[in-house]
């Protein structure tokens, strides 16, 4: 069954204004804030208690982010999307590096590999 709903864009909705893209400084601020709350945000459990805790945590992240950044007032959804995009791009980038390392036979030191894996939270 297909759905014929029209995708609304910012142009179709004059009440919705597009915020500027996240700057590098904003991304670093988001990473710094999430770093201390990563154990909640990246928790794989999906029971009601953990979901409520994650929602509350994202609200706190949003408040802290908006108090520290003056460029634009970001909502929880845009911060979550930015965080997800950062994780995806990081994983993709380091997957390409690993692929190249194994293809060329160049070995990275274990220190660098551990640092990279810890940074992007891949176990």
PDB file of N, CA and C in Angstrom:
ATOM      1  N   UNK A   1       0.852  -1.163   0.000  1.00  0.00           N
ATOM      2  CA  UNK A   1       0.000   0.000   0.000  1.00  0.00           C
ATOM      3  C   UNK A   1       0.902   1.231   0.000  1.00  0.00           C
ATOM      4  N   UNK A   2       0.721   2.095  -0.970  1.00  0.00           N
ATOM      5  CA  UNK A   2       1.579   3.280  -1.047  1.00  0.00           C
ATOM      6  C   UNK A   2       0.885   4.485  -0.432  1.00  0.00           C
ATOM      7  N   UNK A   3       1.684   5.358   0.063  1.00  0.00           N
ATOM      8  CA  UNK A   3       1.173   6.563   0.706  1.00  0.00           C
ATOM      9  C   UNK A   3       1.450   7.745  -0.211  1.00  0.00           C
ATOM     10  N   UNK A   4       0.444   8.524  -0.508  1.00  0.00           N
ATOM     11  CA  UNK A   4       0.598   9.640  -1.432  1.00  0.00           C
ATOM     12  C   UNK A   4       0.734  10.974  -0.726  1.00  0.00           C
ATOM     13  N   UNK A   5       1.280  10.959   0.467  1.00  0.00           N
ATOM     14  CA  UNK A   5       1.462  12.213   1.189  1.00  0.00           C
ATOM     15  C   UNK A   5       2.579  13.009   0.542  1.00  0.00           C
ATOM     16  N   UNK A   6       2.359  14.292   0.434  1.00  0.00           N
ATOM     17  CA  UNK A   6       3.363  15.177  -0.138  1.00  0.00           C
ATOM     18  C   UNK A   6       4.397  15.514   0.931  1.00  0.00           C
ATOM     19  N   UNK A   7       5.654  15.424   0.565  1.00  0.00           N
ATOM     20  CA  UNK A   7       6.723  15.807   1.477  1.00  0.00           C
ATOM     21  C   UNK A   7       6.755  17.326   1.564  1.00  0.00           C
ATOM     22  N   UNK A   8       6.566  17.841   2.761  1.00  0.00           N
ATOM     23  CA  UNK A   8       6.604  19.283   2.951  1.00  0.00           C
ATOM     24  C   UNK A   8       8.033  19.721   3.176  1.00  0.00           C
ATOM     25  N   UNK A   9       8.399  20.771   2.526  1.00  0.00           N
ATOM     26  CA  UNK A   9       9.728  21.333   2.742  1.00  0.00           C
ATOM     27  C   UNK A   9       9.579  22.675   3.432  1.00  0.00           C
ATOM     28  N   UNK A  10      10.687  23.281   3.733  1.00  0.00           N
ATOM     29  CA  UNK A  10      10.675  24.587   4.378  1.00  0.00           C
ATOM     30  C   UNK A  10       9.989  25.606   3.474  1.00  0.00           C
ATOM     31  N   UNK A  11      10.146  25.451   2.179  1.00  0.00           N
ATOM     32  CA  UNK A  11       9.533  26.382   1.227  1.00  0.00           C
ATOM     33  C   UNK A  11       8.008  26.299   1.258  1.00  0.00           C
ATOM     34  N   UNK A  12       7.467  25.084   1.525  1.00  0.00           N
ATOM     35  CA  UNK A  12       6.019  24.894   1.561  1.00  0.00           C
ATOM     36  C   UNK A  12       5.387  25.432   2.838  1.00  0.00           C
ATOM     37  N   UNK A  13       6.162  25.562   3.888  1.00  0.00           N
ATOM     38  CA  UNK A  13       5.643  26.000   5.177  1.00  0.00           C
ATOM     39  C   UNK A  13       6.298  27.328   5.551  1.00  0.00           C
ATOM     40  N   UNK A  14       5.612  28.440   5.316  1.00  0.00           N
ATOM     41  CA  UNK A  14       6.234  29.742   5.578  1.00  0.00           C
ATOM     42  C   UNK A  14       6.478  30.013   7.064  1.00  0.00           C
ATOM     43  N   UNK A  15       5.796  29.286   7.959  1.00  0.00           N
ATOM     44  CA  UNK A  15       5.984  29.494   9.393  1.00  0.00           C
ATOM     45  C   UNK A  15       7.259  28.847   9.920  1.00  0.00           C
ATOM     46  N   UNK A  16       7.805  27.920   9.168  1.00  0.00           N
ATOM     47  CA  UNK A  16       8.987  27.197   9.613  1.00  0.00           C
ATOM     48  C   UNK A  16      10.230  27.820   8.980  1.00  0.00           C
ATOM     49  N   UNK A  17      11.109  28.318   9.833  1.00  0.00           N
ATOM     50  CA  UNK A  17      12.335  28.927   9.332  1.00  0.00           C
ATOM     51  C   UNK A  17      13.471  27.935   9.465  1.00  0.00           C
ATOM     52  N   UNK A  18      14.324  27.916   8.466  1.00  0.00           N
ATOM     53  CA  UNK A  18      15.461  27.008   8.471  1.00  0.00           C
ATOM     54  C   UNK A  18      16.586  27.628   9.274  1.00  0.00           C
ATOM     55  N   UNK A  19      17.126  26.838  10.183  1.00  0.00           N
ATOM     56  CA  UNK A  19      18.269  27.296  10.962  1.00  0.00           C
ATOM     57  C   UNK A  19      19.544  27.090  10.150  1.00  0.00           C
ATOM     58  N   UNK A  20      20.572  27.856  10.450  1.00  0.00           N
ATOM     59  CA  UNK A  20      21.844  27.641   9.743  1.00  0.00           C
ATOM     60  C   UNK A  20      22.436  26.284  10.120  1.00  0.00           C
ATOM     61  N   UNK A  21      23.301  25.769   9.259  1.00  0.00           N
ATOM     62  CA  UNK A  21      23.973  24.507   9.547  1.00  0.00           C
ATOM     63  C   UNK A  21      24.791  24.629  10.826  1.00  0.00           C
ATOM     64  N   UNK A  22      25.023  23.497  11.467  1.00  0.00           N
ATOM     65  CA  UNK A  22      25.850  23.486  12.668  1.00  0.00           C
ATOM     66  C   UNK A  22      27.277  23.874  12.290  1.00  0.00           C
ATOM     67  N   UNK A  23      27.835  24.793  13.039  1.00  0.00           N
ATOM     68  CA  UNK A  23      29.233  25.170  12.824  1.00  0.00           C
ATOM     69  C   UNK A  23      30.122  24.127  13.487  1.00  0.00           C
ATOM     70  N   UNK A  24      31.405  24.163  13.167  1.00  0.00           N
ATOM     71  CA  UNK A  24      32.357  23.236  13.788  1.00  0.00           C
ATOM     72  C   UNK A  24      32.395  23.453  15.297  1.00  0.00           C
ATOM     73  N   UNK A  25      32.303  24.700  15.719  1.00  0.00           N
ATOM     74  CA  UNK A  25      32.307  25.015  17.150  1.00  0.00           C
ATOM     75  C   UNK A  25      31.070  24.424  17.836  1.00  0.00           C
ATOM     76  N   UNK A  26      29.916  24.528  17.183  1.00  0.00           N
ATOM     77  CA  UNK A  26      28.689  23.963  17.753  1.00  0.00           C
ATOM     78  C   UNK A  26      28.785  22.440  17.856  1.00  0.00           C
ATOM     79  N   UNK A  27      29.361  21.817  16.839  1.00  0.00           N
ATOM     80  CA  UNK A  27      29.515  20.364  16.867  1.00  0.00           C
ATOM     81  C   UNK A  27      30.431  19.940  18.010  1.00  0.00           C
ATOM     82  N   UNK A  28      31.521  20.663  18.207  1.00  0.00           N
ATOM     83  CA  UNK A  28      32.439  20.338  19.300  1.00  0.00           C
ATOM     84  C   UNK A  28      31.757  20.539  20.653  1.00  0.00           C
ATOM     85  N   UNK A  29      30.957  21.588  20.769  1.00  0.00           N
ATOM     86  CA  UNK A  29      30.218  21.826  22.013  1.00  0.00           C
ATOM     87  C   UNK A  29      29.251  20.681  22.280  1.00  0.00           C
ATOM     88  N   UNK A  30      28.543  20.248  21.252  1.00  0.00           N
ATOM     89  CA  UNK A  30      27.608  19.134  21.402  1.00  0.00           C
ATOM     90  C   UNK A  30      28.345  17.869  21.837  1.00  0.00           C
ATOM     91  N   UNK A  31      29.483  17.593  21.233  1.00  0.00           N
ATOM     92  CA  UNK A  31      30.271  16.412  21.597  1.00  0.00           C
ATOM     93  C   UNK A  31      30.719  16.498  23.049  1.00  0.00           C
ATOM     94  N   UNK A  32      31.172  17.672  23.473  1.00  0.00           N
ATOM     95  CA  UNK A  32      31.620  17.849  24.860  1.00  0.00           C
ATOM     96  C   UNK A  32      30.479  17.608  25.850  1.00  0.00           C
ATOM     97  N   UNK A  33      29.308  18.128  25.532  1.00  0.00           N
ATOM     98  CA  UNK A  33      28.158  17.964  26.428  1.00  0.00           C
ATOM     99  C   UNK A  33      27.734  16.499  26.488  1.00  0.00           C
ATOM    100  N   UNK A  34      27.668  15.857  25.344  1.00  0.00           N
ATOM    101  CA  UNK A  34      27.208  14.471  25.289  1.00  0.00           C
ATOM    102  C   UNK A  34      28.225  13.529  25.921  1.00  0.00           C
ATOM    103  N   UNK A  35      29.494  13.875  25.859  1.00  0.00           N
ATOM    104  CA  UNK A  35      30.537  13.005  26.414  1.00  0.00           C
ATOM    105  C   UNK A  35      30.253  12.637  27.871  1.00  0.00           C
ATOM    106  N   UNK A  36      29.781  13.599  28.648  1.00  0.00           N
ATOM    107  CA  UNK A  36      29.507  13.320  30.063  1.00  0.00           C
ATOM    108  C   UNK A  36      28.191  12.564  30.277  1.00  0.00           C
ATOM    109  N   UNK A  37      27.342  12.538  29.259  1.00  0.00           N
ATOM    110  CA  UNK A  37      26.035  11.889  29.382  1.00  0.00           C
ATOM    111  C   UNK A  37      25.893  10.693  28.440  1.00  0.00           C
ATOM    112  N   UNK A  38      27.009  10.274  27.876  1.00  0.00           N
ATOM    113  CA  UNK A  38      26.983   9.223  26.865  1.00  0.00           C
ATOM    114  C   UNK A  38      26.429   7.908  27.404  1.00  0.00           C
ATOM    115  N   UNK A  39      26.660   7.618  28.666  1.00  0.00           N
ATOM    116  CA  UNK A  39      26.170   6.367  29.248  1.00  0.00           C
ATOM    117  C   UNK A  39      24.641   6.303  29.245  1.00  0.00           C
ATOM    118  N   UNK A  40      23.991   7.447  29.234  1.00  0.00           N
ATOM    119  CA  UNK A  40      22.520   7.484  29.169  1.00  0.00           C
ATOM    120  C   UNK A  40      22.067   7.491  27.710  1.00  0.00           C
ATOM    121  N   UNK A  41      22.658   8.366  26.911  1.00  0.00           N
ATOM    122  CA  UNK A  41      22.254   8.543  25.512  1.00  0.00           C
ATOM    123  C   UNK A  41      22.470   7.280  24.687  1.00  0.00           C
ATOM    124  N   UNK A  42      23.589   6.607  24.896  1.00  0.00           N
ATOM    125  CA  UNK A  42      23.933   5.435  24.087  1.00  0.00           C
ATOM    126  C   UNK A  42      23.485   4.120  24.719  1.00  0.00           C
ATOM    127  N   UNK A  43      22.659   4.183  25.760  1.00  0.00           N
ATOM    128  CA  UNK A  43      22.148   2.981  26.407  1.00  0.00           C
ATOM    129  C   UNK A  43      21.223   2.245  25.437  1.00  0.00           C
ATOM    130  N   UNK A  44      21.467   0.967  25.233  1.00  0.00           N
ATOM    131  CA  UNK A  44      20.705   0.182  24.257  1.00  0.00           C
ATOM    132  C   UNK A  44      19.361  -0.315  24.787  1.00  0.00           C
ATOM    133  N   UNK A  45      19.136  -0.226  26.090  1.00  0.00           N
ATOM    134  CA  UNK A  45      17.874  -0.697  26.658  1.00  0.00           C
ATOM    135  C   UNK A  45      16.735   0.242  26.254  1.00  0.00           C
ATOM    136  N   UNK A  46      15.579  -0.354  25.971  1.00  0.00           N
ATOM    137  CA  UNK A  46      14.449   0.444  25.483  1.00  0.00           C
ATOM    138  C   UNK A  46      13.207   0.298  26.352  1.00  0.00           C
ATOM    139  N   UNK A  47      13.401   0.080  27.633  1.00  0.00           N
ATOM    140  CA  UNK A  47      12.228   0.014  28.501  1.00  0.00           C
ATOM    141  C   UNK A  47      11.756   1.430  28.835  1.00  0.00           C
ATOM    142  N   UNK A  48      10.591   1.527  29.438  1.00  0.00           N
ATOM    143  CA  UNK A  48       9.962   2.832  29.687  1.00  0.00           C
ATOM    144  C   UNK A  48      10.827   3.738  30.551  1.00  0.00           C
ATOM    145  N   UNK A  49      11.474   3.169  31.542  1.00  0.00           N
ATOM    146  CA  UNK A  49      12.303   3.970  32.448  1.00  0.00           C
ATOM    147  C   UNK A  49      13.474   4.597  31.693  1.00  0.00           C
ATOM    148  N   UNK A  50      14.149   3.794  30.879  1.00  0.00           N
ATOM    149  CA  UNK A  50      15.300   4.306  30.135  1.00  0.00           C
ATOM    150  C   UNK A  50      14.896   5.315  29.064  1.00  0.00           C
ATOM    151  N   UNK A  51      13.755   5.107  28.446  1.00  0.00           N
ATOM    152  CA  UNK A  51      13.283   6.057  27.436  1.00  0.00           C
ATOM    153  C   UNK A  51      13.006   7.410  28.079  1.00  0.00           C
ATOM    154  N   UNK A  52      12.336   7.408  29.226  1.00  0.00           N
ATOM    155  CA  UNK A  52      12.071   8.669  29.950  1.00  0.00           C
ATOM    156  C   UNK A  52      13.377   9.337  30.366  1.00  0.00           C
ATOM    157  N   UNK A  53      14.330   8.531  30.816  1.00  0.00           N
ATOM    158  CA  UNK A  53      15.620   9.068  31.234  1.00  0.00           C
ATOM    159  C   UNK A  53      16.357   9.699  30.049  1.00  0.00           C
ATOM    160  N   UNK A  54      16.287   9.054  28.887  1.00  0.00           N
ATOM    161  CA  UNK A  54      16.917   9.605  27.684  1.00  0.00           C
ATOM    162  C   UNK A  54      16.252  10.915  27.271  1.00  0.00           C
ATOM    163  N   UNK A  55      14.917  10.953  27.314  1.00  0.00           N
ATOM    164  CA  UNK A  55      14.203  12.183  26.952  1.00  0.00           C
ATOM    165  C   UNK A  55      14.598  13.330  27.872  1.00  0.00           C
ATOM    166  N   UNK A  56      14.655  13.042  29.172  1.00  0.00           N
ATOM    167  CA  UNK A  56      15.048  14.066  30.138  1.00  0.00           C
ATOM    168  C   UNK A  56      16.498  14.504  29.893  1.00  0.00           C
ATOM    169  N   UNK A  57      17.343  13.544  29.576  1.00  0.00           N
ATOM    170  CA  UNK A  57      18.750  13.850  29.311  1.00  0.00           C
ATOM    171  C   UNK A  57      18.888  14.733  28.067  1.00  0.00           C
ATOM    172  N   UNK A  58      18.142  14.426  27.006  1.00  0.00           N
ATOM    173  CA  UNK A  58      18.203  15.249  25.793  1.00  0.00           C
ATOM    174  C   UNK A  58      17.694  16.665  26.064  1.00  0.00           C
ATOM    175  N   UNK A  59      16.675  16.804  26.901  1.00  0.00           N
ATOM    176  CA  UNK A  59      16.206  18.148  27.269  1.00  0.00           C
ATOM    177  C   UNK A  59      17.300  18.920  28.003  1.00  0.00           C
ATOM    178  N   UNK A  60      18.000  18.240  28.904  1.00  0.00           N
ATOM    179  CA  UNK A  60      19.109  18.882  29.614  1.00  0.00           C
ATOM    180  C   UNK A  60      20.245  19.248  28.662  1.00  0.00           C
ATOM    181  N   UNK A  61      20.525  18.367  27.711  1.00  0.00           N
ATOM    182  CA  UNK A  61      21.557  18.652  26.708  1.00  0.00           C
ATOM    183  C   UNK A  61      21.162  19.874  25.901  1.00  0.00           C
ATOM    184  N   UNK A  62      19.897  19.934  25.497  1.00  0.00           N
ATOM    185  CA  UNK A  62      19.408  21.073  24.719  1.00  0.00           C
ATOM    186  C   UNK A  62      19.544  22.378  25.498  1.00  0.00           C
ATOM    187  N   UNK A  63      19.155  22.356  26.762  1.00  0.00           N
ATOM    188  CA  UNK A  63      19.274  23.565  27.594  1.00  0.00           C
ATOM    189  C   UNK A  63      20.728  24.004  27.736  1.00  0.00           C
ATOM    190  N   UNK A  64      21.589  23.045  28.032  1.00  0.00           N
ATOM    191  CA  UNK A  64      23.005  23.375  28.208  1.00  0.00           C
ATOM    192  C   UNK A  64      23.619  23.871  26.901  1.00  0.00           C
ATOM    193  N   UNK A  65      23.277  23.210  25.793  1.00  0.00           N
ATOM    194  CA  UNK A  65      23.804  23.611  24.492  1.00  0.00           C
ATOM    195  C   UNK A  65      23.377  25.035  24.157  1.00  0.00           C
ATOM    196  N   UNK A  66      22.096  25.328  24.335  1.00  0.00           N
ATOM    197  CA  UNK A  66      21.584  26.659  24.001  1.00  0.00           C
ATOM    198  C   UNK A  66      22.114  27.734  24.938  1.00  0.00           C
ATOM    199  N   UNK A  67      22.479  27.371  26.150  1.00  0.00           N
ATOM    200  CA  UNK A  67      23.073  28.359  27.055  1.00  0.00           C
ATOM    201  C   UNK A  67      24.522  28.651  26.683  1.00  0.00           C
ATOM    202  N   UNK A  68      25.185  27.688  26.036  1.00  0.00           N
ATOM    203  CA  UNK A  68      26.592  27.866  25.669  1.00  0.00           C
ATOM    204  C   UNK A  68      26.788  28.411  24.261  1.00  0.00           C
ATOM    205  N   UNK A  69      25.842  28.164  23.366  1.00  0.00           N
ATOM    206  CA  UNK A  69      25.977  28.594  21.967  1.00  0.00           C
ATOM    207  C   UNK A  69      25.036  29.754  21.688  1.00  0.00           C
ATOM    208  N   UNK A  70      25.544  30.753  21.007  1.00  0.00           N
ATOM    209  CA  UNK A  70      24.728  31.935  20.729  1.00  0.00           C
ATOM    210  C   UNK A  70      24.309  32.038  19.270  1.00  0.00           C
ATOM    211  N   UNK A  71      24.820  31.153  18.401  1.00  0.00           N
ATOM    212  CA  UNK A  71      24.510  31.265  16.976  1.00  0.00           C
ATOM    213  C   UNK A  71      23.036  31.014  16.672  1.00  0.00           C
ATOM    214  N   UNK A  72      22.491  29.935  17.219  1.00  0.00           N
ATOM    215  CA  UNK A  72      21.092  29.589  16.952  1.00  0.00           C
ATOM    216  C   UNK A  72      20.547  28.793  18.126  1.00  0.00           C
ATOM    217  N   UNK A  73      19.261  28.918  18.350  1.00  0.00           N
ATOM    218  CA  UNK A  73      18.605  28.169  19.417  1.00  0.00           C
ATOM    219  C   UNK A  73      18.159  26.827  18.839  1.00  0.00           C
ATOM    220  N   UNK A  74      18.809  25.754  19.246  1.00  0.00           N
ATOM    221  CA  UNK A  74      18.551  24.422  18.679  1.00  0.00           C
ATOM    222  C   UNK A  74      17.587  23.639  19.563  1.00  0.00           C
ATOM    223  N   UNK A  75      16.689  22.892  18.909  1.00  0.00           N
ATOM    224  CA  UNK A  75      15.774  22.045  19.670  1.00  0.00           C
ATOM    225  C   UNK A  75      16.350  20.637  19.798  1.00  0.00           C
ATOM    226  N   UNK A  76      15.679  19.807  20.566  1.00  0.00           N
ATOM    227  CA  UNK A  76      16.161  18.455  20.839  1.00  0.00           C
ATOM    228  C   UNK A  76      16.295  17.654  19.549  1.00  0.00           C
ATOM    229  N   UNK A  77      15.317  17.774  18.662  1.00  0.00           N
ATOM    230  CA  UNK A  77      15.336  17.007  17.415  1.00  0.00           C
ATOM    231  C   UNK A  77      16.553  17.341  16.569  1.00  0.00           C
ATOM    232  N   UNK A  78      16.864  18.623  16.428  1.00  0.00           N
ATOM    233  CA  UNK A  78      18.017  18.993  15.604  1.00  0.00           C
ATOM    234  C   UNK A  78      19.323  18.541  16.249  1.00  0.00           C
ATOM    235  N   UNK A  79      19.394  18.569  17.578  1.00  0.00           N
ATOM    236  CA  UNK A  79      20.601  18.095  18.263  1.00  0.00           C
ATOM    237  C   UNK A  79      20.761  16.585  18.105  1.00  0.00           C
ATOM    238  N   UNK A  80      19.655  15.851  18.213  1.00  0.00           N
ATOM    239  CA  UNK A  80      19.716  14.397  18.015  1.00  0.00           C
ATOM    240  C   UNK A  80      20.162  14.069  16.592  1.00  0.00           C
ATOM    241  N   UNK A  81      19.596  14.785  15.621  1.00  0.00           N
ATOM    242  CA  UNK A  81      19.969  14.548  14.227  1.00  0.00           C
ATOM    243  C   UNK A  81      21.444  14.849  13.995  1.00  0.00           C
ATOM    244  N   UNK A  82      21.920  15.935  14.563  1.00  0.00           N
ATOM    245  CA  UNK A  82      23.327  16.283  14.423  1.00  0.00           C
ATOM    246  C   UNK A  82      24.204  15.194  15.037  1.00  0.00           C
ATOM    247  N   UNK A  83      23.862  14.732  16.230  1.00  0.00           N
ATOM    248  CA  UNK A  83      24.626  13.685  16.908  1.00  0.00           C
ATOM    249  C   UNK A  83      24.629  12.397  16.085  1.00  0.00           C
ATOM    250  N   UNK A  84      23.462  12.005  15.558  1.00  0.00           N
ATOM    251  CA  UNK A  84      23.388  10.793  14.740  1.00  0.00           C
ATOM    252  C   UNK A  84      24.228  10.935  13.474  1.00  0.00           C
ATOM    253  N   UNK A  85      24.167  12.103  12.840  1.00  0.00           N
ATOM    254  CA  UNK A  85      24.962  12.333  11.636  1.00  0.00           C
ATOM    255  C   UNK A  85      26.455  12.311  11.935  1.00  0.00           C
ATOM    256  N   UNK A  86      26.856  12.891  13.060  1.00  0.00           N
ATOM    257  CA  UNK A  86      28.268  12.856  13.451  1.00  0.00           C
ATOM    258  C   UNK A  86      28.737  11.416  13.652  1.00  0.00           C
ATOM    259  N   UNK A  87      27.926  10.610  14.316  1.00  0.00           N
ATOM    260  CA  UNK A  87      28.299   9.211  14.540  1.00  0.00           C
ATOM    261  C   UNK A  87      28.400   8.453  13.217  1.00  0.00           C
ATOM    262  N   UNK A  88      27.421   8.657  12.326  1.00  0.00           N
ATOM    263  CA  UNK A  88      27.434   7.962  11.035  1.00  0.00           C
ATOM    264  C   UNK A  88      28.660   8.333  10.219  1.00  0.00           C
ATOM    265  N   UNK A  89      28.942   9.627  10.141  1.00  0.00           N
ATOM    266  CA  UNK A  89      30.093  10.075   9.354  1.00  0.00           C
ATOM    267  C   UNK A  89      31.406   9.573   9.941  1.00  0.00           C
ATOM    268  N   UNK A  90      31.490   9.565  11.266  1.00  0.00           N
ATOM    269  CA  UNK A  90      32.711   9.093  11.921  1.00  0.00           C
ATOM    270  C   UNK A  90      32.915   7.610  11.664  1.00  0.00           C
ATOM    271  N   UNK A  91      31.860   6.827  11.822  1.00  0.00           N
ATOM    272  CA  UNK A  91      31.971   5.388  11.562  1.00  0.00           C
ATOM    273  C   UNK A  91      32.361   5.120  10.110  1.00  0.00           C
ATOM    274  N   UNK A  92      31.732   5.838   9.195  1.00  0.00           N
ATOM    275  CA  UNK A  92      32.031   5.653   7.776  1.00  0.00           C
ATOM    276  C   UNK A  92      33.481   6.014   7.480  1.00  0.00           C
ATOM    277  N   UNK A  93      33.929   7.129   8.028  1.00  0.00           N
ATOM    278  CA  UNK A  93      35.300   7.585   7.795  1.00  0.00           C
ATOM    279  C   UNK A  93      36.310   6.551   8.292  1.00  0.00           C
ATOM    280  N   UNK A  94      36.117   6.059   9.512  1.00  0.00           N
ATOM    281  CA  UNK A  94      37.074   5.113  10.063  1.00  0.00           C
ATOM    282  C   UNK A  94      36.931   3.722   9.464  1.00  0.00           C
ATOM    283  N   UNK A  95      35.770   3.384   8.940  1.00  0.00           N
ATOM    284  CA  UNK A  95      35.619   2.127   8.206  1.00  0.00           C
ATOM    285  C   UNK A  95      36.440   2.188   6.925  1.00  0.00           C
ATOM    286  N   UNK A  96      36.433   3.342   6.270  1.00  0.00           N
ATOM    287  CA  UNK A  96      37.246   3.517   5.065  1.00  0.00           C
ATOM    288  C   UNK A  96      38.734   3.443   5.394  1.00  0.00           C
ATOM    289  N   UNK A  97      39.121   4.026   6.520  1.00  0.00           N
ATOM    290  CA  UNK A  97      40.527   3.958   6.936  1.00  0.00           C
ATOM    291  C   UNK A  97      40.925   2.511   7.212  1.00  0.00           C
ATOM    292  N   UNK A  98      40.081   1.775   7.955  1.00  0.00           N
ATOM    293  CA  UNK A  98      40.387   0.369   8.244  1.00  0.00           C
ATOM    294  C   UNK A  98      40.485  -0.440   6.961  1.00  0.00           C
ATOM    295  N   UNK A  99      39.584  -0.169   6.028  1.00  0.00           N
ATOM    296  CA  UNK A  99      39.598  -0.879   4.752  1.00  0.00           C
ATOM    297  C   UNK A  99      40.907  -0.610   4.018  1.00  0.00           C
ATOM    298  N   UNK A 100      41.324   0.638   3.994  1.00  0.00           N
ATOM    299  CA  UNK A 100      42.565   1.006   3.319  1.00  0.00           C
ATOM    300  C   UNK A 100      43.776   0.399   4.017  1.00  0.00           C
ATOM    301  N   UNK A 101      43.756   0.393   5.342  1.00  0.00           N
ATOM    302  CA  UNK A 101      44.873  -0.174   6.105  1.00  0.00           C
ATOM    303  C   UNK A 101      45.021  -1.659   5.795  1.00  0.00           C
ATOM    304  N   UNK A 102      43.924  -2.389   5.796  1.00  0.00           N
ATOM    305  CA  UNK A 102      44.003  -3.819   5.524  1.00  0.00           C
ATOM    306  C   UNK A 102      44.331  -4.100   4.058  1.00  0.00           C
ATOM    307  N   UNK A 103      43.891  -3.240   3.152  1.00  0.00           N
ATOM    308  CA  UNK A 103      44.163  -3.441   1.733  1.00  0.00           C
ATOM    309  C   UNK A 103      45.634  -3.200   1.409  1.00  0.00           C
ATOM    310  N   UNK A 104      46.229  -2.207   2.052  1.00  0.00           N
ATOM    311  CA  UNK A 104      47.624  -1.873   1.749  1.00  0.00           C
ATOM    312  C   UNK A 104      48.609  -2.594   2.654  1.00  0.00           C
ATOM    313  N   UNK A 105      48.123  -3.193   3.724  1.00  0.00           N
ATOM    314  CA  UNK A 105      49.003  -3.907   4.635  1.00  0.00           C
ATOM    315  C   UNK A 105      49.723  -3.011   5.619  1.00  0.00           C
ATOM    316  N   UNK A 106      49.340  -1.748   5.695  1.00  0.00           N
ATOM    317  CA  UNK A 106      49.952  -0.825   6.643  1.00  0.00           C
ATOM    318  C   UNK A 106      49.299  -1.046   7.997  1.00  0.00           C
ATOM    319  N   UNK A 107      50.094  -1.180   9.030  1.00  0.00           N
ATOM    320  CA  UNK A 107      49.546  -1.414  10.367  1.00  0.00           C
ATOM    321  C   UNK A 107      49.586  -0.134  11.184  1.00  0.00           C
ATOM    322  N   UNK A 108      48.472   0.191  11.833  1.00  0.00           N
ATOM    323  CA  UNK A 108      48.430   1.317  12.761  1.00  0.00           C
ATOM    324  C   UNK A 108      48.817   0.814  14.138  1.00  0.00           C
ATOM    325  N   UNK A 109      49.343   1.677  14.943  1.00  0.00           N
ATOM    326  CA  UNK A 109      49.686   1.259  16.300  1.00  0.00           C
ATOM    327  C   UNK A 109      48.408   0.974  17.080  1.00  0.00           C
ATOM    328  N   UNK A 110      48.496   0.088  18.045  1.00  0.00           N
ATOM    329  CA  UNK A 110      47.324  -0.268  18.847  1.00  0.00           C
ATOM    330  C   UNK A 110      46.791   0.931  19.625  1.00  0.00           C
ATOM    331  N   UNK A 111      47.654   1.842  19.997  1.00  0.00           N
ATOM    332  CA  UNK A 111      47.219   3.035  20.714  1.00  0.00           C
ATOM    333  C   UNK A 111      46.241   3.840  19.872  1.00  0.00           C
ATOM    334  N   UNK A 112      46.566   4.057  18.623  1.00  0.00           N
ATOM    335  CA  UNK A 112      45.707   4.841  17.735  1.00  0.00           C
ATOM    336  C   UNK A 112      44.381   4.120  17.516  1.00  0.00           C
ATOM    337  N   UNK A 113      44.439   2.829  17.285  1.00  0.00           N
ATOM    338  CA  UNK A 113      43.212   2.070  17.055  1.00  0.00           C
ATOM    339  C   UNK A 113      42.308   2.120  18.288  1.00  0.00           C
ATOM    340  N   UNK A 114      42.888   1.928  19.473  1.00  0.00           N
ATOM    341  CA  UNK A 114      42.084   1.990  20.696  1.00  0.00           C
ATOM    342  C   UNK A 114      41.469   3.367  20.885  1.00  0.00           C
ATOM    343  N   UNK A 115      42.236   4.406  20.603  1.00  0.00           N
ATOM    344  CA  UNK A 115      41.732   5.772  20.745  1.00  0.00           C
ATOM    345  C   UNK A 115      40.551   5.998  19.805  1.00  0.00           C
ATOM    346  N   UNK A 116      40.697   5.580  18.578  1.00  0.00           N
ATOM    347  CA  UNK A 116      39.636   5.759  17.585  1.00  0.00           C
ATOM    348  C   UNK A 116      38.380   4.998  18.012  1.00  0.00           C
ATOM    349  N   UNK A 117      38.551   3.748  18.401  1.00  0.00           N
ATOM    350  CA  UNK A 117      37.398   2.937  18.789  1.00  0.00           C
ATOM    351  C   UNK A 117      36.711   3.489  20.032  1.00  0.00           C
ATOM    352  N   UNK A 118      37.487   3.965  20.976  1.00  0.00           N
ATOM    353  CA  UNK A 118      36.888   4.559  22.176  1.00  0.00           C
ATOM    354  C   UNK A 118      36.148   5.834  21.830  1.00  0.00           C
ATOM    355  N   UNK A 119      36.700   6.595  20.916  1.00  0.00           N
ATOM    356  CA  UNK A 119      36.091   7.874  20.550  1.00  0.00           C
ATOM    357  C   UNK A 119      34.740   7.686  19.882  1.00  0.00           C
ATOM    358  N   UNK A 120      34.622   6.723  19.014  1.00  0.00           N
ATOM    359  CA  UNK A 120      33.360   6.550  18.295  1.00  0.00           C
ATOM    360  C   UNK A 120      32.484   5.467  18.915  1.00  0.00           C
ATOM    361  N   UNK A 121      32.904   4.930  20.046  1.00  0.00           N
ATOM    362  CA  UNK A 121      32.107   3.971  20.832  1.00  0.00           C
ATOM    363  C   UNK A 121      31.747   2.706  20.067  1.00  0.00           C
ATOM    364  N   UNK A 122      32.710   2.167  19.342  1.00  0.00           N
ATOM    365  CA  UNK A 122      32.487   0.886  18.673  1.00  0.00           C
ATOM    366  C   UNK A 122      33.169  -0.177  19.507  1.00  0.00           C
ATOM    367  N   UNK A 123      32.439  -1.186  19.877  1.00  0.00           N
ATOM    368  CA  UNK A 123      33.022  -2.263  20.700  1.00  0.00           C
ATOM    369  C   UNK A 123      33.279  -3.475  19.850  1.00  0.00           C
TER     370      UNK A 123
END
